[in-house]
């Protein structure tokens, strides 16, 4: 996990950091009203290990599909088929993301005021995407992990005639430069406890 951080961290430490990201994010999501928190995971064989890690109250759903786009579409479609008025996928590597942005996405989809909600990332991707109904075309043949993801997603939504709600931009942590940016941000403003402790230990 977090292989682009390996120049700065050993694989073991990068995995430890990702664990901090994940657990802090789950704690934060538990505070957002009006949502059913879900953890989508892969591989399916990790179900027991994940179940021991995830706090009570979270539903764990195995991801299905040959690539990231197919897996995103499948989990969102599954949640909508369960009767939800919309479904949202959120990354776990933007640890300082305000939960107000997530709550805003849930309100927009719940009210039916937009077909798609997107939270742009500074690197050209997105930290959040939500849909009111399944939209597989938003995820097919997407050049994941490139700066083209966000503009291509927005263009596809436009081409499909979908109403779009854009959230404020935020940043995620993929590289050593991102990690140093996170450290600077949390030095000024604090941050989620596990991640904050890890980064303080790392940078002093």
N, C-alpha and C. Protein backbone atom coordinates (compact mmCIF):
# COMPACT_ATOMS: atom_id res chain seq x y z
N UNK A 1 0.84 -1.19 0.00
CA UNK A 1 0.00 0.00 0.00
C UNK A 1 0.88 1.24 0.00
N UNK A 2 0.38 2.31 -0.61
CA UNK A 2 1.11 3.57 -0.64
C UNK A 2 2.51 3.38 -1.19
N UNK A 3 2.63 2.68 -2.32
CA UNK A 3 3.95 2.37 -2.86
C UNK A 3 4.71 3.61 -3.29
N UNK A 4 4.00 4.70 -3.64
CA UNK A 4 4.69 5.92 -4.04
C UNK A 4 5.34 6.64 -2.86
N UNK A 5 5.03 6.17 -1.64
CA UNK A 5 5.68 6.72 -0.46
C UNK A 5 6.94 5.95 -0.09
N UNK A 6 7.22 4.85 -0.79
CA UNK A 6 8.35 4.01 -0.41
C UNK A 6 9.70 4.70 -0.48
N UNK A 7 9.91 5.72 -1.34
CA UNK A 7 11.18 6.45 -1.23
C UNK A 7 11.36 7.14 0.12
N UNK A 8 10.25 7.48 0.78
CA UNK A 8 10.32 8.17 2.07
C UNK A 8 10.11 7.22 3.24
N UNK A 9 9.37 6.14 3.03
CA UNK A 9 9.04 5.20 4.09
C UNK A 9 9.29 3.78 3.62
N UNK A 10 9.66 2.90 4.53
CA UNK A 10 9.74 1.49 4.18
C UNK A 10 8.33 0.99 3.87
N UNK A 11 8.20 -0.12 3.14
CA UNK A 11 6.86 -0.65 2.89
C UNK A 11 6.07 -0.89 4.18
N UNK A 12 6.74 -1.33 5.22
CA UNK A 12 6.05 -1.60 6.48
C UNK A 12 5.54 -0.31 7.11
N UNK A 13 6.35 0.74 7.06
CA UNK A 13 5.92 2.02 7.64
C UNK A 13 4.83 2.66 6.78
N UNK A 14 4.92 2.49 5.47
CA UNK A 14 3.87 3.02 4.61
C UNK A 14 2.53 2.35 4.90
N UNK A 15 2.58 1.04 5.15
CA UNK A 15 1.35 0.32 5.50
C UNK A 15 0.83 0.78 6.85
N UNK A 16 1.73 1.04 7.79
CA UNK A 16 1.33 1.55 9.10
C UNK A 16 0.65 2.91 8.97
N UNK A 17 1.21 3.77 8.11
CA UNK A 17 0.59 5.08 7.88
C UNK A 17 -0.80 4.91 7.28
N UNK A 18 -0.94 4.02 6.31
CA UNK A 18 -2.24 3.81 5.70
C UNK A 18 -3.25 3.31 6.73
N UNK A 19 -2.80 2.48 7.66
CA UNK A 19 -3.69 2.01 8.72
C UNK A 19 -4.18 3.19 9.57
N UNK A 20 -3.26 4.13 9.87
CA UNK A 20 -3.66 5.35 10.59
C UNK A 20 -4.70 6.13 9.79
N UNK A 21 -4.44 6.31 8.49
CA UNK A 21 -5.40 7.01 7.63
C UNK A 21 -6.78 6.36 7.72
N UNK A 22 -6.80 5.04 7.57
CA UNK A 22 -8.07 4.32 7.51
C UNK A 22 -8.84 4.43 8.82
N UNK A 23 -8.18 4.16 9.93
CA UNK A 23 -8.89 4.17 11.21
C UNK A 23 -9.34 5.58 11.59
N UNK A 24 -8.51 6.58 11.30
CA UNK A 24 -8.93 7.95 11.55
C UNK A 24 -10.13 8.33 10.69
N UNK A 25 -10.12 7.88 9.43
CA UNK A 25 -11.24 8.19 8.54
C UNK A 25 -12.53 7.52 9.03
N UNK A 26 -12.43 6.29 9.50
CA UNK A 26 -13.63 5.60 9.98
C UNK A 26 -14.19 6.30 11.21
N UNK A 27 -13.32 6.73 12.11
CA UNK A 27 -13.79 7.47 13.28
C UNK A 27 -14.49 8.76 12.86
N UNK A 28 -13.92 9.45 11.87
CA UNK A 28 -14.52 10.70 11.41
C UNK A 28 -15.87 10.46 10.76
N UNK A 29 -15.97 9.44 9.93
CA UNK A 29 -17.24 9.15 9.25
C UNK A 29 -18.34 8.79 10.23
N UNK A 30 -17.96 8.20 11.36
CA UNK A 30 -18.96 7.83 12.36
C UNK A 30 -19.65 9.05 12.95
N UNK A 31 -19.07 10.24 12.76
CA UNK A 31 -19.67 11.46 13.29
C UNK A 31 -20.60 12.15 12.29
N UNK A 32 -20.63 11.67 11.06
CA UNK A 32 -21.44 12.32 10.02
C UNK A 32 -22.88 11.83 10.15
N UNK A 33 -23.84 12.74 10.34
CA UNK A 33 -25.23 12.30 10.52
C UNK A 33 -25.87 11.89 9.20
N UNK A 34 -26.81 10.98 9.31
CA UNK A 34 -27.66 10.65 8.17
C UNK A 34 -27.03 9.78 7.11
N UNK A 35 -25.92 9.10 7.42
CA UNK A 35 -25.32 8.20 6.44
C UNK A 35 -25.20 6.80 7.04
N UNK A 36 -25.11 5.80 6.17
CA UNK A 36 -24.78 4.45 6.60
C UNK A 36 -23.33 4.19 6.18
N UNK A 37 -22.40 4.16 7.13
CA UNK A 37 -20.99 4.00 6.75
C UNK A 37 -20.67 2.58 6.31
N UNK A 38 -19.93 2.48 5.22
CA UNK A 38 -19.60 1.20 4.60
C UNK A 38 -18.11 1.18 4.30
N UNK A 39 -17.47 0.05 4.50
CA UNK A 39 -16.09 -0.14 4.08
C UNK A 39 -16.09 -1.14 2.93
N UNK A 40 -15.65 -0.71 1.75
CA UNK A 40 -15.52 -1.60 0.60
C UNK A 40 -14.08 -2.10 0.56
N UNK A 41 -13.90 -3.39 0.46
CA UNK A 41 -12.55 -3.95 0.60
C UNK A 41 -12.26 -5.00 -0.46
N UNK A 42 -11.00 -5.22 -0.67
CA UNK A 42 -10.50 -6.28 -1.52
C UNK A 42 -9.13 -6.71 -1.01
N UNK A 43 -8.78 -8.00 -1.09
CA UNK A 43 -9.54 -9.12 -1.64
C UNK A 43 -10.60 -9.63 -0.66
N UNK A 44 -11.51 -10.44 -1.18
CA UNK A 44 -12.58 -10.97 -0.35
C UNK A 44 -12.05 -11.80 0.81
N UNK A 45 -10.87 -12.40 0.63
CA UNK A 45 -10.28 -13.23 1.68
C UNK A 45 -9.88 -12.42 2.91
N UNK A 46 -9.86 -11.08 2.77
CA UNK A 46 -9.48 -10.22 3.89
C UNK A 46 -10.65 -9.91 4.81
N UNK A 47 -11.78 -10.54 4.61
CA UNK A 47 -12.99 -10.18 5.36
C UNK A 47 -12.79 -10.31 6.87
N UNK A 48 -12.20 -11.41 7.33
CA UNK A 48 -12.03 -11.61 8.77
C UNK A 48 -11.07 -10.59 9.37
N UNK A 49 -9.96 -10.35 8.68
CA UNK A 49 -8.99 -9.38 9.19
C UNK A 49 -9.59 -7.99 9.25
N UNK A 50 -10.36 -7.64 8.22
CA UNK A 50 -10.98 -6.31 8.20
C UNK A 50 -12.04 -6.20 9.28
N UNK A 51 -12.80 -7.26 9.46
CA UNK A 51 -13.83 -7.24 10.49
C UNK A 51 -13.28 -7.00 11.87
N UNK A 52 -12.07 -7.49 12.12
CA UNK A 52 -11.42 -7.27 13.42
C UNK A 52 -10.90 -5.84 13.56
N UNK A 53 -10.72 -5.17 12.44
CA UNK A 53 -10.14 -3.83 12.44
C UNK A 53 -11.19 -2.73 12.47
N UNK A 54 -12.30 -2.96 11.79
CA UNK A 54 -13.31 -1.92 11.59
C UNK A 54 -14.19 -1.77 12.83
N UNK A 55 -14.48 -0.54 13.25
CA UNK A 55 -15.34 -0.34 14.42
C UNK A 55 -16.75 -0.87 14.20
N UNK A 56 -17.44 -1.10 15.29
CA UNK A 56 -18.84 -1.52 15.22
C UNK A 56 -19.65 -0.44 14.52
N UNK A 57 -20.67 -0.88 13.79
CA UNK A 57 -21.54 0.06 13.10
C UNK A 57 -21.20 0.26 11.64
N UNK A 58 -20.07 -0.29 11.19
CA UNK A 58 -19.69 -0.20 9.79
C UNK A 58 -20.02 -1.51 9.08
N UNK A 59 -20.64 -1.38 7.96
CA UNK A 59 -20.90 -2.53 7.10
C UNK A 59 -19.69 -2.74 6.18
N UNK A 60 -19.26 -3.97 6.04
CA UNK A 60 -18.12 -4.29 5.17
C UNK A 60 -18.63 -5.00 3.91
N UNK A 61 -18.25 -4.45 2.75
CA UNK A 61 -18.74 -4.96 1.46
C UNK A 61 -17.54 -5.32 0.59
N UNK A 62 -17.42 -6.56 0.15
CA UNK A 62 -16.30 -6.90 -0.74
C UNK A 62 -16.45 -6.24 -2.09
N UNK A 63 -15.33 -5.77 -2.62
CA UNK A 63 -15.34 -5.16 -3.94
C UNK A 63 -15.38 -6.24 -5.01
N UNK A 64 -16.05 -5.95 -6.12
CA UNK A 64 -16.16 -6.89 -7.24
C UNK A 64 -15.80 -6.18 -8.53
N UNK A 65 -15.04 -6.86 -9.37
CA UNK A 65 -14.71 -6.29 -10.67
C UNK A 65 -13.24 -6.39 -10.97
N UNK A 66 -12.88 -6.35 -12.27
CA UNK A 66 -11.50 -6.58 -12.68
C UNK A 66 -10.59 -5.37 -12.51
N UNK A 67 -11.14 -4.17 -12.31
CA UNK A 67 -10.31 -2.98 -12.16
C UNK A 67 -11.01 -2.00 -11.23
N UNK A 68 -10.33 -0.90 -10.92
CA UNK A 68 -10.87 0.06 -9.96
C UNK A 68 -12.20 0.62 -10.42
N UNK A 69 -12.32 0.96 -11.70
CA UNK A 69 -13.57 1.52 -12.19
C UNK A 69 -14.73 0.58 -12.00
N UNK A 70 -14.53 -0.68 -12.34
CA UNK A 70 -15.60 -1.67 -12.19
C UNK A 70 -15.96 -1.87 -10.72
N UNK A 71 -14.95 -1.85 -9.87
CA UNK A 71 -15.21 -2.04 -8.44
C UNK A 71 -15.98 -0.86 -7.85
N UNK A 72 -15.59 0.37 -8.25
CA UNK A 72 -16.34 1.54 -7.78
C UNK A 72 -17.79 1.48 -8.23
N UNK A 73 -18.00 1.21 -9.50
CA UNK A 73 -19.36 1.15 -10.03
C UNK A 73 -20.18 0.08 -9.31
N UNK A 74 -19.57 -1.08 -9.07
CA UNK A 74 -20.30 -2.19 -8.46
C UNK A 74 -20.72 -1.87 -7.04
N UNK A 75 -19.82 -1.28 -6.25
CA UNK A 75 -20.20 -1.03 -4.85
C UNK A 75 -21.24 0.09 -4.77
N UNK A 76 -21.13 1.12 -5.60
CA UNK A 76 -22.14 2.18 -5.60
C UNK A 76 -23.49 1.64 -6.04
N UNK A 77 -23.49 0.82 -7.08
CA UNK A 77 -24.74 0.24 -7.57
C UNK A 77 -25.38 -0.67 -6.52
N UNK A 78 -24.55 -1.41 -5.80
CA UNK A 78 -25.07 -2.30 -4.75
C UNK A 78 -25.77 -1.50 -3.66
N UNK A 79 -25.15 -0.41 -3.23
CA UNK A 79 -25.75 0.40 -2.17
C UNK A 79 -27.05 1.05 -2.63
N UNK A 80 -27.09 1.51 -3.87
CA UNK A 80 -28.32 2.11 -4.38
C UNK A 80 -29.41 1.06 -4.51
N UNK A 81 -29.03 -0.14 -4.94
CA UNK A 81 -30.01 -1.23 -5.04
C UNK A 81 -30.57 -1.61 -3.68
N UNK A 82 -29.82 -1.34 -2.62
CA UNK A 82 -30.29 -1.62 -1.26
C UNK A 82 -31.35 -0.62 -0.80
N UNK A 83 -31.58 0.42 -1.60
CA UNK A 83 -32.63 1.37 -1.26
C UNK A 83 -32.17 2.75 -0.87
N UNK A 84 -30.86 3.00 -0.90
CA UNK A 84 -30.35 4.33 -0.56
C UNK A 84 -30.65 5.31 -1.70
N UNK A 85 -30.85 6.58 -1.35
CA UNK A 85 -31.16 7.61 -2.35
C UNK A 85 -29.92 8.06 -3.10
N UNK A 86 -28.80 7.58 -2.71
CA UNK A 86 -27.55 7.86 -3.39
C UNK A 86 -26.44 7.08 -2.70
N UNK A 87 -25.29 7.03 -3.33
CA UNK A 87 -24.15 6.34 -2.74
C UNK A 87 -22.90 7.14 -3.05
N UNK A 88 -21.97 7.13 -2.10
CA UNK A 88 -20.76 7.94 -2.17
C UNK A 88 -19.55 7.06 -1.93
N UNK A 89 -18.52 7.23 -2.74
CA UNK A 89 -17.23 6.59 -2.52
C UNK A 89 -16.23 7.68 -2.11
N UNK A 90 -15.48 7.41 -1.05
CA UNK A 90 -14.52 8.38 -0.52
C UNK A 90 -13.18 7.70 -0.40
N UNK A 91 -12.11 8.42 -0.72
CA UNK A 91 -10.78 7.86 -0.53
C UNK A 91 -10.47 7.77 0.96
N UNK A 92 -9.37 7.13 1.28
CA UNK A 92 -8.94 7.07 2.68
C UNK A 92 -7.56 7.69 2.87
N UNK A 93 -7.08 8.43 1.86
CA UNK A 93 -5.74 9.00 1.97
C UNK A 93 -5.75 10.53 1.89
N UNK A 94 -6.86 11.13 2.34
CA UNK A 94 -6.92 12.59 2.52
C UNK A 94 -7.31 12.82 3.98
N UNK A 95 -6.38 12.57 4.90
CA UNK A 95 -6.74 12.44 6.31
C UNK A 95 -7.28 13.71 6.97
N UNK A 96 -6.99 14.87 6.42
CA UNK A 96 -7.52 16.10 7.02
C UNK A 96 -8.80 16.59 6.35
N UNK A 97 -9.38 15.77 5.49
CA UNK A 97 -10.61 16.16 4.80
C UNK A 97 -11.70 16.51 5.80
N UNK A 98 -12.30 17.71 5.70
CA UNK A 98 -13.40 18.06 6.61
C UNK A 98 -14.62 17.17 6.34
N UNK A 99 -15.19 16.64 7.40
CA UNK A 99 -16.37 15.81 7.23
C UNK A 99 -17.59 16.62 6.79
N UNK A 100 -17.49 17.93 6.89
CA UNK A 100 -18.56 18.77 6.34
C UNK A 100 -18.73 18.58 4.85
N UNK A 101 -17.62 18.29 4.15
CA UNK A 101 -17.72 18.04 2.71
C UNK A 101 -18.50 16.76 2.43
N UNK A 102 -18.27 15.74 3.25
CA UNK A 102 -19.01 14.47 3.11
C UNK A 102 -20.48 14.69 3.41
N UNK A 103 -20.75 15.42 4.48
CA UNK A 103 -22.15 15.70 4.84
C UNK A 103 -22.85 16.48 3.73
N UNK A 104 -22.13 17.42 3.11
CA UNK A 104 -22.70 18.19 2.00
C UNK A 104 -23.05 17.27 0.83
N UNK A 105 -22.15 16.34 0.50
CA UNK A 105 -22.43 15.40 -0.58
C UNK A 105 -23.66 14.57 -0.28
N UNK A 106 -23.79 14.11 0.97
CA UNK A 106 -24.95 13.31 1.35
C UNK A 106 -26.24 14.13 1.26
N UNK A 107 -26.19 15.38 1.67
CA UNK A 107 -27.39 16.24 1.59
C UNK A 107 -27.79 16.46 0.15
N UNK A 108 -26.83 16.71 -0.72
CA UNK A 108 -27.14 16.97 -2.13
C UNK A 108 -27.81 15.76 -2.76
N UNK A 109 -27.23 14.59 -2.55
CA UNK A 109 -27.81 13.39 -3.15
C UNK A 109 -29.15 13.05 -2.50
N UNK A 110 -29.24 13.22 -1.19
CA UNK A 110 -30.48 12.91 -0.50
C UNK A 110 -31.64 13.79 -0.93
N UNK A 111 -31.33 15.04 -1.28
CA UNK A 111 -32.38 15.98 -1.69
C UNK A 111 -32.73 15.86 -3.16
N UNK A 112 -31.93 15.10 -3.91
CA UNK A 112 -32.17 14.97 -5.34
C UNK A 112 -31.79 16.19 -6.15
N UNK A 113 -30.95 17.07 -5.59
CA UNK A 113 -30.61 18.31 -6.28
C UNK A 113 -29.46 18.17 -7.27
N UNK A 114 -28.82 17.00 -7.33
CA UNK A 114 -27.79 16.75 -8.34
C UNK A 114 -27.72 15.26 -8.61
N UNK A 115 -27.32 14.93 -9.84
CA UNK A 115 -27.14 13.53 -10.21
C UNK A 115 -25.80 12.97 -9.73
N UNK A 116 -24.80 13.86 -9.72
CA UNK A 116 -23.43 13.45 -9.39
C UNK A 116 -22.81 14.51 -8.48
N UNK A 117 -22.06 14.05 -7.48
CA UNK A 117 -21.28 14.93 -6.61
C UNK A 117 -19.83 14.52 -6.73
N UNK A 118 -18.93 15.49 -6.91
CA UNK A 118 -17.51 15.21 -7.04
C UNK A 118 -16.73 16.14 -6.11
N UNK A 119 -15.77 15.57 -5.39
CA UNK A 119 -14.83 16.34 -4.59
C UNK A 119 -13.47 16.31 -5.24
N UNK A 120 -13.03 17.39 -5.87
CA UNK A 120 -11.77 17.39 -6.62
C UNK A 120 -10.55 17.31 -5.70
N UNK A 121 -9.56 16.56 -6.14
CA UNK A 121 -8.25 16.53 -5.47
C UNK A 121 -7.29 17.43 -6.23
N UNK A 122 -6.31 17.96 -5.50
CA UNK A 122 -5.35 18.86 -6.11
C UNK A 122 -4.50 18.19 -7.19
N UNK A 123 -4.41 16.86 -7.15
CA UNK A 123 -3.55 16.15 -8.10
C UNK A 123 -4.25 15.77 -9.40
N UNK A 124 -5.49 16.25 -9.58
CA UNK A 124 -6.21 15.95 -10.81
C UNK A 124 -7.15 14.77 -10.73
N UNK A 125 -7.25 14.18 -9.56
CA UNK A 125 -8.22 13.11 -9.34
C UNK A 125 -9.38 13.63 -8.50
N UNK A 126 -10.01 12.74 -7.73
CA UNK A 126 -11.04 13.18 -6.81
C UNK A 126 -10.96 12.37 -5.53
N UNK A 127 -11.33 13.03 -4.43
CA UNK A 127 -11.35 12.35 -3.14
C UNK A 127 -12.71 11.75 -2.84
N UNK A 128 -13.72 12.16 -3.60
CA UNK A 128 -15.10 11.70 -3.36
C UNK A 128 -15.86 11.75 -4.66
N UNK A 129 -16.67 10.75 -4.87
CA UNK A 129 -17.65 10.79 -5.95
C UNK A 129 -18.93 10.13 -5.44
N UNK A 130 -20.04 10.75 -5.75
CA UNK A 130 -21.32 10.21 -5.34
C UNK A 130 -22.31 10.28 -6.49
N UNK A 131 -23.20 9.30 -6.55
CA UNK A 131 -24.19 9.25 -7.62
C UNK A 131 -25.56 8.94 -7.04
N UNK A 132 -26.59 9.47 -7.70
CA UNK A 132 -27.96 9.21 -7.27
C UNK A 132 -28.49 7.91 -7.86
N UNK A 133 -28.00 7.54 -9.03
CA UNK A 133 -28.32 6.27 -9.66
C UNK A 133 -27.03 5.72 -10.27
N UNK A 134 -26.94 4.43 -10.53
CA UNK A 134 -25.70 3.88 -11.09
C UNK A 134 -25.31 4.57 -12.40
N UNK A 135 -24.03 4.91 -12.52
CA UNK A 135 -23.51 5.59 -13.71
C UNK A 135 -22.20 4.94 -14.13
N UNK A 136 -22.25 3.73 -14.69
CA UNK A 136 -21.01 3.03 -15.02
C UNK A 136 -20.12 3.78 -16.00
N UNK A 137 -20.70 4.62 -16.85
CA UNK A 137 -19.89 5.35 -17.84
C UNK A 137 -18.90 6.30 -17.18
N UNK A 138 -19.14 6.69 -15.94
CA UNK A 138 -18.21 7.58 -15.24
C UNK A 138 -16.93 6.88 -14.84
N UNK A 139 -16.93 5.56 -14.88
CA UNK A 139 -15.80 4.79 -14.35
C UNK A 139 -15.10 3.91 -15.38
N UNK A 140 -15.71 3.76 -16.55
CA UNK A 140 -15.16 2.84 -17.55
C UNK A 140 -13.96 3.45 -18.25
N UNK A 141 -12.93 2.63 -18.48
CA UNK A 141 -11.74 3.03 -19.24
C UNK A 141 -11.16 4.36 -18.75
N UNK A 142 -11.09 4.49 -17.44
CA UNK A 142 -10.57 5.71 -16.82
C UNK A 142 -9.06 5.56 -16.57
N UNK A 143 -8.26 6.55 -16.91
CA UNK A 143 -6.81 6.46 -16.67
C UNK A 143 -6.48 6.77 -15.21
N UNK A 144 -6.77 5.81 -14.35
CA UNK A 144 -6.62 6.01 -12.91
C UNK A 144 -5.19 6.42 -12.55
N UNK A 145 -5.09 7.18 -11.47
CA UNK A 145 -3.79 7.65 -10.94
C UNK A 145 -3.08 8.59 -11.91
N UNK A 146 -3.84 9.31 -12.71
CA UNK A 146 -3.29 10.34 -13.59
C UNK A 146 -4.06 11.64 -13.36
N UNK A 147 -3.49 12.78 -13.78
CA UNK A 147 -4.20 14.05 -13.64
C UNK A 147 -5.42 14.19 -14.55
N UNK A 148 -5.65 13.20 -15.41
CA UNK A 148 -6.78 13.27 -16.34
C UNK A 148 -8.09 12.78 -15.74
N UNK A 149 -8.03 12.17 -14.56
CA UNK A 149 -9.23 11.54 -14.01
C UNK A 149 -10.34 12.56 -13.76
N UNK A 150 -10.02 13.65 -13.08
CA UNK A 150 -11.06 14.64 -12.77
C UNK A 150 -11.64 15.29 -14.02
N UNK A 151 -10.81 15.86 -14.91
CA UNK A 151 -11.42 16.52 -16.09
C UNK A 151 -12.20 15.55 -16.95
N UNK A 152 -11.74 14.31 -17.08
CA UNK A 152 -12.46 13.34 -17.89
C UNK A 152 -13.79 12.96 -17.23
N UNK A 153 -13.80 12.84 -15.91
CA UNK A 153 -15.04 12.53 -15.20
C UNK A 153 -16.05 13.66 -15.37
N UNK A 154 -15.59 14.89 -15.23
CA UNK A 154 -16.50 16.04 -15.38
C UNK A 154 -17.03 16.13 -16.81
N UNK A 155 -16.17 15.84 -17.79
CA UNK A 155 -16.62 15.89 -19.18
C UNK A 155 -17.64 14.79 -19.45
N UNK A 156 -17.41 13.62 -18.91
CA UNK A 156 -18.38 12.53 -19.11
C UNK A 156 -19.73 12.88 -18.49
N UNK A 157 -19.70 13.45 -17.29
CA UNK A 157 -20.96 13.85 -16.66
C UNK A 157 -21.70 14.86 -17.53
N UNK A 158 -20.96 15.80 -18.10
CA UNK A 158 -21.58 16.79 -18.99
C UNK A 158 -22.15 16.12 -20.23
N UNK A 159 -21.38 15.22 -20.84
CA UNK A 159 -21.83 14.54 -22.05
C UNK A 159 -23.08 13.69 -21.79
N UNK A 160 -23.20 13.18 -20.57
CA UNK A 160 -24.37 12.36 -20.21
C UNK A 160 -25.57 13.22 -19.81
N UNK A 161 -25.38 14.53 -19.75
CA UNK A 161 -26.47 15.42 -19.37
C UNK A 161 -26.79 15.38 -17.90
N UNK A 162 -25.81 15.05 -17.07
CA UNK A 162 -26.04 14.91 -15.64
C UNK A 162 -25.83 16.24 -14.93
N UNK A 163 -26.67 16.52 -13.95
CA UNK A 163 -26.44 17.69 -13.10
C UNK A 163 -25.34 17.36 -12.11
N UNK A 164 -24.45 18.33 -11.89
CA UNK A 164 -23.21 18.09 -11.14
C UNK A 164 -23.09 19.07 -9.99
N UNK A 165 -22.66 18.57 -8.85
CA UNK A 165 -22.35 19.42 -7.70
C UNK A 165 -20.88 19.21 -7.35
N UNK A 166 -20.10 20.29 -7.39
CA UNK A 166 -18.68 20.22 -7.06
C UNK A 166 -18.46 20.66 -5.62
N UNK A 167 -17.73 19.85 -4.88
CA UNK A 167 -17.34 20.18 -3.52
C UNK A 167 -16.03 20.98 -3.55
N UNK A 168 -15.63 21.58 -2.43
CA UNK A 168 -14.32 22.25 -2.39
C UNK A 168 -13.19 21.26 -2.65
N UNK A 169 -12.13 21.75 -3.25
CA UNK A 169 -10.97 20.90 -3.52
C UNK A 169 -10.23 20.59 -2.22
N UNK A 170 -9.54 19.44 -2.22
CA UNK A 170 -8.71 19.05 -1.08
C UNK A 170 -7.50 18.30 -1.61
N UNK A 171 -6.64 17.83 -0.73
CA UNK A 171 -5.46 17.11 -1.18
C UNK A 171 -5.37 15.75 -0.52
N UNK A 172 -4.79 14.80 -1.24
CA UNK A 172 -4.54 13.48 -0.67
C UNK A 172 -3.03 13.28 -0.56
N UNK A 173 -2.66 12.14 0.00
CA UNK A 173 -1.25 11.87 0.30
C UNK A 173 -0.81 10.64 -0.46
N UNK A 174 -0.05 10.87 -1.53
CA UNK A 174 0.45 9.79 -2.36
C UNK A 174 1.98 9.75 -2.41
N UNK A 175 2.62 10.90 -2.19
CA UNK A 175 4.06 11.02 -2.40
C UNK A 175 4.71 11.64 -1.16
N UNK A 176 6.05 11.65 -1.17
CA UNK A 176 6.76 12.29 -0.05
C UNK A 176 6.41 13.77 0.04
N UNK A 177 6.29 14.45 -1.09
CA UNK A 177 5.91 15.87 -1.07
C UNK A 177 4.54 16.06 -0.43
N UNK A 178 3.59 15.17 -0.73
CA UNK A 178 2.27 15.25 -0.10
C UNK A 178 2.37 15.03 1.40
N UNK A 179 3.23 14.10 1.81
CA UNK A 179 3.39 13.81 3.23
C UNK A 179 3.95 15.02 3.97
N UNK A 180 4.88 15.72 3.33
CA UNK A 180 5.42 16.93 3.95
C UNK A 180 4.36 18.05 3.99
N UNK A 181 3.54 18.11 2.98
CA UNK A 181 2.43 19.07 3.00
C UNK A 181 1.47 18.75 4.14
N UNK A 182 1.19 17.47 4.35
CA UNK A 182 0.33 17.06 5.45
C UNK A 182 0.93 17.46 6.78
N UNK A 183 2.23 17.23 6.92
CA UNK A 183 2.91 17.60 8.17
C UNK A 183 2.76 19.10 8.43
N UNK A 184 3.00 19.91 7.41
CA UNK A 184 2.88 21.36 7.58
C UNK A 184 1.47 21.77 7.95
N UNK A 185 0.48 21.15 7.31
CA UNK A 185 -0.92 21.49 7.58
C UNK A 185 -1.30 21.12 9.01
N UNK A 186 -0.88 19.94 9.46
CA UNK A 186 -1.25 19.51 10.80
C UNK A 186 -0.44 20.23 11.87
N UNK A 187 0.77 20.68 11.54
CA UNK A 187 1.54 21.48 12.49
C UNK A 187 0.82 22.77 12.83
N UNK A 188 0.07 23.30 11.85
CA UNK A 188 -0.66 24.55 12.06
C UNK A 188 -2.06 24.32 12.62
N UNK A 189 -2.72 23.26 12.15
CA UNK A 189 -4.15 23.11 12.43
C UNK A 189 -4.52 21.84 13.17
N UNK A 190 -3.54 21.01 13.52
CA UNK A 190 -3.86 19.73 14.14
C UNK A 190 -4.39 18.75 13.10
N UNK A 191 -4.86 17.62 13.57
CA UNK A 191 -5.36 16.61 12.65
C UNK A 191 -5.85 15.39 13.38
N UNK A 192 -6.28 14.38 12.64
CA UNK A 192 -6.79 13.16 13.26
C UNK A 192 -5.69 12.49 14.09
N UNK A 193 -6.03 11.89 15.22
CA UNK A 193 -5.02 11.56 16.24
C UNK A 193 -3.96 10.55 15.81
N UNK A 194 -4.35 9.47 15.15
CA UNK A 194 -3.34 8.45 14.79
C UNK A 194 -2.37 9.00 13.74
N UNK A 195 -2.93 9.66 12.75
CA UNK A 195 -2.10 10.22 11.69
C UNK A 195 -1.21 11.32 12.24
N UNK A 196 -1.76 12.15 13.10
CA UNK A 196 -0.98 13.23 13.69
C UNK A 196 0.19 12.68 14.48
N UNK A 197 -0.04 11.64 15.29
CA UNK A 197 1.05 11.04 16.06
C UNK A 197 2.11 10.44 15.16
N UNK A 198 1.70 9.77 14.09
CA UNK A 198 2.65 9.15 13.17
C UNK A 198 3.53 10.21 12.50
N UNK A 199 2.90 11.27 12.01
CA UNK A 199 3.64 12.29 11.28
C UNK A 199 4.55 13.07 12.24
N UNK A 200 4.10 13.30 13.44
CA UNK A 200 4.97 13.97 14.42
C UNK A 200 6.19 13.11 14.71
N UNK A 201 6.00 11.82 14.86
CA UNK A 201 7.12 10.92 15.10
C UNK A 201 8.08 10.91 13.89
N UNK A 202 7.50 10.97 12.71
CA UNK A 202 8.30 10.89 11.50
C UNK A 202 9.16 12.14 11.30
N UNK A 203 8.55 13.32 11.50
CA UNK A 203 9.25 14.57 11.20
C UNK A 203 9.78 15.29 12.44
N UNK A 204 9.32 14.83 13.61
CA UNK A 204 9.81 15.47 14.82
C UNK A 204 9.04 16.72 15.18
